[in-house]
Amino acid sequence: MRIAEQEAVEGVAAGVPFVALPPAGGDAPAALVVGWHLMEVPSSEQAFAEAAPMSGLPAWRVYFGLPLTGSRLPAGGPAELFRLASEDAVLNVFGPVTAQAAAEFPAALAELRDRLPGATGPLGVFGGSAGSLVALEVLTRGDVAVEAAAVVSPVAQLAPVIGRNERLFDITYPWTPESREVAGHYDFVRRAGELTTPLLLVTGADDDVAVREPAAALRDALGAELVTVEGMAHEFAPGSAAAKQVDAAFTEWFARRLRS
């Protein structure tokens, strides 16, 4: 189902662009589920809303735009973002995007609670790939109470994903003490003790080992639930069989874990 068919609300909350889909049935109060997209497909808030709309969920579903993407691309557009990533993916992209998105979340959430009718119920968070880093960081910061979380194509450890990108793009990343410190911070297997919110992990059976193995390690460390989507690599295009399975897993998880 395309987001236009669901009376989507698009706007900006505390400087953060978003797409919001109303709760099934229109009941109030309703739970609120918020998340961040991938930098690969689906790579925008609109695309993530189309890929995983969670249509049957009696909750507002909000999809935030990541910093340095979409309407917040740096001056110079995609070419400048590519240059920044090529120069230092950890220090120029993954680190600052995650830190900014997590820091701006409480104010954006507070504004959405006021603006979205009936969005006063329990909170869930979700994310995909780069967006999963934000969701997991939000959980560890504990700035707001979160009842349940779900991540797909998760970056449970940043360093192996940098290795994946080295193989994918045939490059060598120049690790420095500073970038190793950032990658160490975004090692949620090591920091599993800080994750106390019920967590669903969704991985593609055909994704890189740099994603699948840390996700399994985090599952084991937390006793979390893990769903493997057959035939899916890292991306899941809106309307694809993989996206439908991701959507179904997210919908079932939040329906089970969130009660208005």
C-alpha atoms as a PDB file:
ATOM      1  CA  MET A   1       0.000   0.000   0.000  1.00  0.00           C
ATOM      2  CA  ARG A   2       1.418   3.362  -0.938  1.00  0.00           C
ATOM      3  CA  ILE A   3       1.579   5.991   1.768  1.00  0.00           C
ATOM      4  CA  ALA A   4      -0.692   8.350  -0.196  1.00  0.00           C
ATOM      5  CA  GLU A   5      -3.541   5.891   0.358  1.00  0.00           C
ATOM      6  CA  GLN A   6      -3.157   6.111   4.131  1.00  0.00           C
ATOM      7  CA  GLU A   7      -3.619   9.869   4.593  1.00  0.00           C
ATOM      8  CA  ALA A   8       0.010  10.334   5.533  1.00  0.00           C
ATOM      9  CA  VAL A   9       1.039  13.420   7.452  1.00  0.00           C
ATOM     10  CA  GLU A  10       4.321  14.948   6.289  1.00  0.00           C
ATOM     11  CA  GLY A  11       6.117  17.744   8.062  1.00  0.00           C
ATOM     12  CA  VAL A  12       8.998  18.805  10.271  1.00  0.00           C
ATOM     13  CA  ALA A  13       9.142  18.339  14.040  1.00  0.00           C
ATOM     14  CA  ALA A  14      11.837  20.214  15.964  1.00  0.00           C
ATOM     15  CA  GLY A  15      13.832  20.455  12.745  1.00  0.00           C
ATOM     16  CA  VAL A  16      13.439  16.775  11.832  1.00  0.00           C
ATOM     17  CA  PRO A  17      11.516  15.856   8.639  1.00  0.00           C
ATOM     18  CA  PHE A  18       9.000  13.052   9.066  1.00  0.00           C
ATOM     19  CA  VAL A  19       6.199  11.019   7.514  1.00  0.00           C
ATOM     20  CA  ALA A  20       3.453   9.855   9.891  1.00  0.00           C
ATOM     21  CA  LEU A  21       0.762   7.250   9.206  1.00  0.00           C
ATOM     22  CA  PRO A  22      -2.400   7.304  11.365  1.00  0.00           C
ATOM     23  CA  PRO A  23      -3.424   4.370  13.559  1.00  0.00           C
ATOM     24  CA  ALA A  24      -5.626   1.631  12.179  1.00  0.00           C
ATOM     25  CA  GLY A  25      -9.155   2.283  13.354  1.00  0.00           C
ATOM     26  CA  GLY A  26      -8.350   5.849  14.396  1.00  0.00           C
ATOM     27  CA  ASP A  27      -8.692   4.981  18.080  1.00  0.00           C
ATOM     28  CA  ALA A  28      -7.308   7.320  20.743  1.00  0.00           C
ATOM     29  CA  PRO A  29      -5.204   7.182  22.742  1.00  0.00           C
ATOM     30  CA  ALA A  30      -2.869   5.315  20.390  1.00  0.00           C
ATOM     31  CA  ALA A  31       0.626   3.941  20.671  1.00  0.00           C
ATOM     32  CA  LEU A  32       3.408   5.769  18.833  1.00  0.00           C
ATOM     33  CA  VAL A  33       6.067   3.905  16.856  1.00  0.00           C
ATOM     34  CA  VAL A  34       8.955   5.941  15.430  1.00  0.00           C
ATOM     35  CA  GLY A  35      11.960   4.995  13.354  1.00  0.00           C
ATOM     36  CA  TRP A  36      14.807   5.868  11.014  1.00  0.00           C
ATOM     37  CA  HIS A  37      15.447   4.640   7.475  1.00  0.00           C
ATOM     38  CA  LEU A  38      18.422   2.957   5.841  1.00  0.00           C
ATOM     39  CA  MET A  39      21.006   4.778   3.742  1.00  0.00           C
ATOM     40  CA  GLU A  40      20.454   1.973   1.244  1.00  0.00           C
ATOM     41  CA  VAL A  41      17.010   1.081  -0.129  1.00  0.00           C
ATOM     42  CA  PRO A  42      14.614   2.146   1.372  1.00  0.00           C
ATOM     43  CA  SER A  43      16.740   5.246   1.814  1.00  0.00           C
ATOM     44  CA  SER A  44      14.239   7.948   2.793  1.00  0.00           C
ATOM     45  CA  GLU A  45      11.438   8.435   5.272  1.00  0.00           C
ATOM     46  CA  GLN A  46       8.875   8.185   2.449  1.00  0.00           C
ATOM     47  CA  ALA A  47      10.399   4.991   1.050  1.00  0.00           C
ATOM     48  CA  PHE A  48      10.587   3.349   4.482  1.00  0.00           C
ATOM     49  CA  ALA A  49       6.929   4.225   5.088  1.00  0.00           C
ATOM     50  CA  GLU A  50       6.054   2.511   1.810  1.00  0.00           C
ATOM     51  CA  ALA A  51       8.239  -0.525   2.490  1.00  0.00           C
ATOM     52  CA  ALA A  52       7.064  -1.130   6.065  1.00  0.00           C
ATOM     53  CA  PRO A  53       3.811   0.763   6.666  1.00  0.00           C
ATOM     54  CA  MET A  54       2.604  -1.579   9.466  1.00  0.00           C
ATOM     55  CA  SER A  55      -0.909  -0.806   8.245  1.00  0.00           C
ATOM     56  CA  GLY A  56      -2.842  -2.947  10.683  1.00  0.00           C
ATOM     57  CA  LEU A  57      -1.156  -1.504  13.755  1.00  0.00           C
ATOM     58  CA  PRO A  58      -3.360   0.582  16.095  1.00  0.00           C
ATOM     59  CA  ALA A  59      -0.546   3.118  16.456  1.00  0.00           C
ATOM     60  CA  TRP A  60       0.839   6.208  14.818  1.00  0.00           C
ATOM     61  CA  ARG A  61       3.857   5.130  12.746  1.00  0.00           C
ATOM     62  CA  VAL A  62       6.402   7.899  12.253  1.00  0.00           C
ATOM     63  CA  TYR A  63       9.370   7.696   9.863  1.00  0.00           C
ATOM     64  CA  PHE A  64      12.120  10.258  10.491  1.00  0.00           C
ATOM     65  CA  GLY A  65      14.568  11.528   7.878  1.00  0.00           C
ATOM     66  CA  LEU A  66      18.200  10.997   8.833  1.00  0.00           C
ATOM     67  CA  PRO A  67      20.662  13.908   8.977  1.00  0.00           C
ATOM     68  CA  LEU A  68      22.735  14.315   5.789  1.00  0.00           C
ATOM     69  CA  THR A  69      19.956  12.724   3.697  1.00  0.00           C
ATOM     70  CA  GLY A  70      16.922  13.917   1.750  1.00  0.00           C
ATOM     71  CA  SER A  71      16.062  17.525   2.523  1.00  0.00           C
ATOM     72  CA  ARG A  72      19.062  17.657   4.862  1.00  0.00           C
ATOM     73  CA  LEU A  73      21.722  16.738   2.323  1.00  0.00           C
ATOM     74  CA  PRO A  74      24.871  18.855   2.728  1.00  0.00           C
ATOM     75  CA  ALA A  75      25.585  21.703   0.348  1.00  0.00           C
ATOM     76  CA  GLY A  76      26.694  19.997  -2.830  1.00  0.00           C
ATOM     77  CA  GLY A  77      24.041  17.287  -2.573  1.00  0.00           C
ATOM     78  CA  PRO A  78      24.650  13.560  -2.995  1.00  0.00           C
ATOM     79  CA  ALA A  79      28.098  14.166  -4.468  1.00  0.00           C
ATOM     80  CA  GLU A  80      29.198  15.930  -1.297  1.00  0.00           C
ATOM     81  CA  LEU A  81      27.780  13.166   0.889  1.00  0.00           C
ATOM     82  CA  PHE A  82      29.679  10.606  -1.199  1.00  0.00           C
ATOM     83  CA  ARG A  83      32.852  12.665  -0.821  1.00  0.00           C
ATOM     84  CA  LEU A  84      32.428  12.830   2.952  1.00  0.00           C
ATOM     85  CA  ALA A  85      31.847   9.082   3.156  1.00  0.00           C
ATOM     86  CA  SER A  86      34.820   8.351   0.917  1.00  0.00           C
ATOM     87  CA  GLU A  87      37.035  10.561   3.048  1.00  0.00           C
ATOM     88  CA  ASP A  88      36.030   8.985   6.362  1.00  0.00           C
ATOM     89  CA  ALA A  89      32.785   7.012   6.626  1.00  0.00           C
ATOM     90  CA  VAL A  90      33.008   6.642  10.415  1.00  0.00           C
ATOM     91  CA  LEU A  91      33.936  10.182  11.419  1.00  0.00           C
ATOM     92  CA  ASN A  92      32.085  12.040   8.652  1.00  0.00           C
ATOM     93  CA  VAL A  93      28.910   9.982   8.278  1.00  0.00           C
ATOM     94  CA  PHE A  94      28.065   7.131  10.659  1.00  0.00           C
ATOM     95  CA  GLY A  95      29.263   8.867  13.815  1.00  0.00           C
ATOM     96  CA  PRO A  96      27.751  12.340  13.324  1.00  0.00           C
ATOM     97  CA  VAL A  97      24.513  11.097  11.702  1.00  0.00           C
ATOM     98  CA  THR A  98      23.810   8.724  14.575  1.00  0.00           C
ATOM     99  CA  ALA A  99      24.761  11.210  17.281  1.00  0.00           C
ATOM    100  CA  GLN A 100      22.672  14.016  15.780  1.00  0.00           C
ATOM    101  CA  ALA A 101      19.608  11.843  15.140  1.00  0.00           C
ATOM    102  CA  ALA A 102      19.666  10.465  18.688  1.00  0.00           C
ATOM    103  CA  ALA A 103      20.196  13.920  20.202  1.00  0.00           C
ATOM    104  CA  GLU A 104      17.348  15.556  18.262  1.00  0.00           C
ATOM    105  CA  PHE A 105      14.909  12.727  18.961  1.00  0.00           C
ATOM    106  CA  PRO A 106      13.489  13.787  22.384  1.00  0.00           C
ATOM    107  CA  ALA A 107      12.437  17.239  21.160  1.00  0.00           C
ATOM    108  CA  ALA A 108      10.976  15.849  17.933  1.00  0.00           C
ATOM    109  CA  LEU A 109       9.086  13.204  19.898  1.00  0.00           C
ATOM    110  CA  ALA A 110       7.650  15.772  22.309  1.00  0.00           C
ATOM    111  CA  GLU A 111       6.397  17.890  19.400  1.00  0.00           C
ATOM    112  CA  LEU A 112       4.819  14.881  17.691  1.00  0.00           C
ATOM    113  CA  ARG A 113       3.025  13.905  20.901  1.00  0.00           C
ATOM    114  CA  ASP A 114       1.371  17.333  20.775  1.00  0.00           C
ATOM    115  CA  ARG A 115       0.693  17.442  17.032  1.00  0.00           C
ATOM    116  CA  LEU A 116      -0.550  13.929  16.221  1.00  0.00           C
ATOM    117  CA  PRO A 117      -4.100  13.405  17.526  1.00  0.00           C
ATOM    118  CA  GLY A 118      -4.221  10.802  20.273  1.00  0.00           C
ATOM    119  CA  ALA A 119      -0.520   9.896  20.081  1.00  0.00           C
ATOM    120  CA  THR A 120      -0.237   9.566  23.842  1.00  0.00           C
ATOM    121  CA  GLY A 121       0.169   5.781  24.197  1.00  0.00           C
ATOM    122  CA  PRO A 122       3.295   3.664  24.709  1.00  0.00           C
ATOM    123  CA  LEU A 123       6.354   4.236  22.544  1.00  0.00           C
ATOM    124  CA  GLY A 124       8.201   1.891  20.236  1.00  0.00           C
ATOM    125  CA  VAL A 125      11.274   2.612  18.111  1.00  0.00           C
ATOM    126  CA  PHE A 126      12.613   0.942  14.977  1.00  0.00           C
ATOM    127  CA  GLY A 127      15.328   1.399  12.385  1.00  0.00           C
ATOM    128  CA  GLY A 128      17.062  -0.135   9.410  1.00  0.00           C
ATOM    129  CA  SER A 129      20.826  -0.389   8.841  1.00  0.00           C
ATOM    130  CA  ALA A 130      22.170   3.129   9.532  1.00  0.00           C
ATOM    131  CA  GLY A 131      18.787   3.894  11.107  1.00  0.00           C
ATOM    132  CA  SER A 132      19.194   0.882  13.390  1.00  0.00           C
ATOM    133  CA  LEU A 133      22.273   2.545  14.879  1.00  0.00           C
ATOM    134  CA  VAL A 134      20.042   5.458  15.862  1.00  0.00           C
ATOM    135  CA  ALA A 135      17.354   3.212  17.346  1.00  0.00           C
ATOM    136  CA  LEU A 136      19.900   1.272  19.415  1.00  0.00           C
ATOM    137  CA  GLU A 137      21.644   4.457  20.535  1.00  0.00           C
ATOM    138  CA  VAL A 138      18.293   5.924  21.624  1.00  0.00           C
ATOM    139  CA  LEU A 139      17.713   2.812  23.726  1.00  0.00           C
ATOM    140  CA  THR A 140      21.083   3.058  25.444  1.00  0.00           C
ATOM    141  CA  ARG A 141      20.720   6.785  26.136  1.00  0.00           C
ATOM    142  CA  GLY A 142      17.439   6.273  27.954  1.00  0.00           C
ATOM    143  CA  ASP A 143      16.252   9.858  27.389  1.00  0.00           C
ATOM    144  CA  VAL A 144      12.674   8.584  26.920  1.00  0.00           C
ATOM    145  CA  ALA A 145      10.855   5.447  28.018  1.00  0.00           C
ATOM    146  CA  VAL A 146      10.598   2.906  25.181  1.00  0.00           C
ATOM    147  CA  GLU A 147       8.421  -0.189  25.507  1.00  0.00           C
ATOM    148  CA  ALA A 148       9.658  -2.146  22.473  1.00  0.00           C
ATOM    149  CA  ALA A 149      12.152  -1.849  19.622  1.00  0.00           C
ATOM    150  CA  ALA A 150      12.756  -3.529  16.262  1.00  0.00           C
ATOM    151  CA  VAL A 151      15.675  -3.271  13.854  1.00  0.00           C
ATOM    152  CA  VAL A 152      16.164  -4.664  10.356  1.00  0.00           C
ATOM    153  CA  SER A 153      19.472  -5.244   8.557  1.00  0.00           C
ATOM    154  CA  PRO A 154      20.878  -4.098  11.906  1.00  0.00           C
ATOM    155  CA  VAL A 155      24.272  -2.571  12.524  1.00  0.00           C
ATOM    156  CA  ALA A 156      24.883  -4.278  15.856  1.00  0.00           C
ATOM    157  CA  GLN A 157      28.610  -3.567  15.506  1.00  0.00           C
ATOM    158  CA  LEU A 158      29.884  -0.744  13.323  1.00  0.00           C
ATOM    159  CA  ALA A 159      33.440  -1.983  12.699  1.00  0.00           C
ATOM    160  CA  PRO A 160      32.453  -5.158  10.784  1.00  0.00           C
ATOM    161  CA  VAL A 161      30.092  -3.093   8.597  1.00  0.00           C
ATOM    162  CA  ILE A 162      33.031  -0.878   7.638  1.00  0.00           C
ATOM    163  CA  GLY A 163      34.776  -4.100   6.622  1.00  0.00           C
ATOM    164  CA  ARG A 164      31.726  -5.006   4.535  1.00  0.00           C
ATOM    165  CA  ASN A 165      31.975  -1.663   2.753  1.00  0.00           C
ATOM    166  CA  GLU A 166      35.681  -2.233   2.130  1.00  0.00           C
ATOM    167  CA  ARG A 167      34.853  -5.489   0.346  1.00  0.00           C
ATOM    168  CA  LEU A 168      31.844  -4.007  -1.433  1.00  0.00           C
ATOM    169  CA  PHE A 169      33.638  -0.950  -2.804  1.00  0.00           C
ATOM    170  CA  ASP A 170      37.167  -2.411  -2.993  1.00  0.00           C
ATOM    171  CA  ILE A 171      38.640   0.193  -0.658  1.00  0.00           C
ATOM    172  CA  THR A 172      40.727   0.215   2.508  1.00  0.00           C
ATOM    173  CA  TYR A 173      39.395   2.247   5.398  1.00  0.00           C
ATOM    174  CA  PRO A 174      42.160   4.212   7.233  1.00  0.00           C
ATOM    175  CA  TRP A 175      41.390   3.431  10.887  1.00  0.00           C
ATOM    176  CA  THR A 176      42.608   5.979  13.438  1.00  0.00           C
ATOM    177  CA  PRO A 177      42.393   6.021  17.246  1.00  0.00           C
ATOM    178  CA  GLU A 178      39.464   8.462  16.955  1.00  0.00           C
ATOM    179  CA  SER A 179      37.497   6.349  14.493  1.00  0.00           C
ATOM    180  CA  ARG A 180      38.180   3.201  16.532  1.00  0.00           C
ATOM    181  CA  GLU A 181      36.748   4.986  19.566  1.00  0.00           C
ATOM    182  CA  VAL A 182      33.590   5.859  17.626  1.00  0.00           C
ATOM    183  CA  ALA A 183      33.248   2.293  16.327  1.00  0.00           C
ATOM    184  CA  GLY A 184      33.764   1.006  19.863  1.00  0.00           C
ATOM    185  CA  HIS A 185      30.912   3.197  21.072  1.00  0.00           C
ATOM    186  CA  TYR A 186      28.631   1.752  18.391  1.00  0.00           C
ATOM    187  CA  ASP A 187      29.395  -1.839  19.371  1.00  0.00           C
ATOM    188  CA  PHE A 188      26.067  -2.890  20.829  1.00  0.00           C
ATOM    189  CA  VAL A 189      27.155  -6.478  21.345  1.00  0.00           C
ATOM    190  CA  ARG A 190      29.748  -5.200  23.804  1.00  0.00           C
ATOM    191  CA  ARG A 191      27.169  -2.830  25.287  1.00  0.00           C
ATOM    192  CA  ALA A 192      24.368  -5.388  25.406  1.00  0.00           C
ATOM    193  CA  GLY A 193      23.973  -4.857  29.144  1.00  0.00           C
ATOM    194  CA  GLU A 194      22.717  -1.330  28.416  1.00  0.00           C
ATOM    195  CA  LEU A 195      19.866  -2.636  26.238  1.00  0.00           C
ATOM    196  CA  THR A 196      16.953  -3.479  28.514  1.00  0.00           C
ATOM    197  CA  THR A 197      14.056  -2.849  26.089  1.00  0.00           C
ATOM    198  CA  PRO A 198      12.506  -5.911  24.377  1.00  0.00           C
ATOM    199  CA  LEU A 199      14.162  -6.071  20.948  1.00  0.00           C
ATOM    200  CA  LEU A 200      13.320  -7.747  17.638  1.00  0.00           C
ATOM    201  CA  LEU A 201      16.146  -8.290  15.150  1.00  0.00           C
ATOM    202  CA  VAL A 202      15.319  -8.932  11.477  1.00  0.00           C
ATOM    203  CA  THR A 203      18.095  -9.998   9.114  1.00  0.00           C
ATOM    204  CA  GLY A 204      18.300 -11.076   5.507  1.00  0.00           C
ATOM    205  CA  ALA A 205      19.462 -14.641   4.936  1.00  0.00           C
ATOM    206  CA  ASP A 206      21.606 -13.326   2.058  1.00  0.00           C
ATOM    207  CA  ASP A 207      23.021 -10.310   3.909  1.00  0.00           C
ATOM    208  CA  ASP A 208      26.734  -9.971   4.565  1.00  0.00           C
ATOM    209  CA  VAL A 209      28.288 -11.874   7.442  1.00  0.00           C
ATOM    210  CA  ALA A 210      29.247  -8.467   8.907  1.00  0.00           C
ATOM    211  CA  VAL A 211      25.537  -7.921   9.600  1.00  0.00           C
ATOM    212  CA  ARG A 212      24.285 -11.441  10.266  1.00  0.00           C
ATOM    213  CA  GLU A 213      26.913 -12.575  12.784  1.00  0.00           C
ATOM    214  CA  PRO A 214      26.775  -9.494  15.075  1.00  0.00           C
ATOM    215  CA  ALA A 215      22.961  -9.651  14.966  1.00  0.00           C
ATOM    216  CA  ALA A 216      23.079 -13.286  16.082  1.00  0.00           C
ATOM    217  CA  ALA A 217      25.593 -12.381  18.806  1.00  0.00           C
ATOM    218  CA  LEU A 218      23.328  -9.595  20.052  1.00  0.00           C
ATOM    219  CA  ARG A 219      20.353 -11.977  19.977  1.00  0.00           C
ATOM    220  CA  ASP A 220      22.310 -14.429  22.118  1.00  0.00           C
ATOM    221  CA  ALA A 221      23.524 -11.747  24.543  1.00  0.00           C
ATOM    222  CA  LEU A 222      20.027 -10.360  25.095  1.00  0.00           C
ATOM    223  CA  GLY A 223      17.857 -13.401  24.628  1.00  0.00           C
ATOM    224  CA  ALA A 224      16.143 -11.306  21.954  1.00  0.00           C
ATOM    225  CA  GLU A 225      13.996 -12.498  19.067  1.00  0.00           C
ATOM    226  CA  LEU A 226      15.555 -12.824  15.621  1.00  0.00           C
ATOM    227  CA  VAL A 227      13.662 -13.284  12.351  1.00  0.00           C
ATOM    228  CA  THR A 228      15.551 -14.296   9.202  1.00  0.00           C
ATOM    229  CA  VAL A 229      14.023 -13.286   5.866  1.00  0.00           C
ATOM    230  CA  GLU A 230      14.861 -15.790   3.146  1.00  0.00           C
ATOM    231  CA  GLY A 231      15.947 -14.296  -0.163  1.00  0.00           C
ATOM    232  CA  MET A 232      16.746 -10.874   1.351  1.00  0.00           C
ATOM    233  CA  ALA A 233      20.175  -9.314   1.327  1.00  0.00           C
ATOM    234  CA  HIS A 234      20.632  -5.907   3.014  1.00  0.00           C
ATOM    235  CA  GLU A 235      18.078  -3.844   1.100  1.00  0.00           C
ATOM    236  CA  PHE A 236      14.325  -4.345   0.748  1.00  0.00           C
ATOM    237  CA  ALA A 237      12.572  -2.270  -1.890  1.00  0.00           C
ATOM    238  CA  PRO A 238       8.994  -1.116  -1.276  1.00  0.00           C
ATOM    239  CA  GLY A 239       6.554  -3.697  -2.594  1.00  0.00           C
ATOM    240  CA  SER A 240       9.109  -6.514  -2.693  1.00  0.00           C
ATOM    241  CA  ALA A 241       8.552  -9.903  -1.071  1.00  0.00           C
ATOM    242  CA  ALA A 242      11.316  -9.091   1.398  1.00  0.00           C
ATOM    243  CA  ALA A 243       9.710  -5.778   2.378  1.00  0.00           C
ATOM    244  CA  LYS A 244       6.392  -7.529   2.972  1.00  0.00           C
ATOM    245  CA  GLN A 245       8.079  -9.968   5.342  1.00  0.00           C
ATOM    246  CA  VAL A 246       9.859  -7.159   7.182  1.00  0.00           C
ATOM    247  CA  ASP A 247       6.570  -5.290   7.459  1.00  0.00           C
ATOM    248  CA  ALA A 248       4.784  -8.384   8.789  1.00  0.00           C
ATOM    249  CA  ALA A 249       7.490  -9.032  11.375  1.00  0.00           C
ATOM    250  CA  PHE A 250       7.463  -5.433  12.606  1.00  0.00           C
ATOM    251  CA  THR A 251       3.660  -5.306  12.703  1.00  0.00           C
ATOM    252  CA  GLU A 252       3.296  -8.529  14.673  1.00  0.00           C
ATOM    253  CA  TRP A 253       6.053  -7.536  17.111  1.00  0.00           C
ATOM    254  CA  PHE A 254       4.704  -4.109  17.966  1.00  0.00           C
ATOM    255  CA  ALA A 255       1.101  -5.346  18.110  1.00  0.00           C
ATOM    256  CA  ARG A 256       2.222  -7.897  20.662  1.00  0.00           C
ATOM    257  CA  ARG A 257       4.444  -5.608  22.685  1.00  0.00           C
ATOM    258  CA  LEU A 258       2.565  -2.286  22.695  1.00  0.00           C
ATOM    259  CA  ARG A 259      -0.752  -1.753  24.395  1.00  0.00           C
ATOM    260  CA  SER A 260      -2.496   1.633  24.231  1.00  0.00           C
END
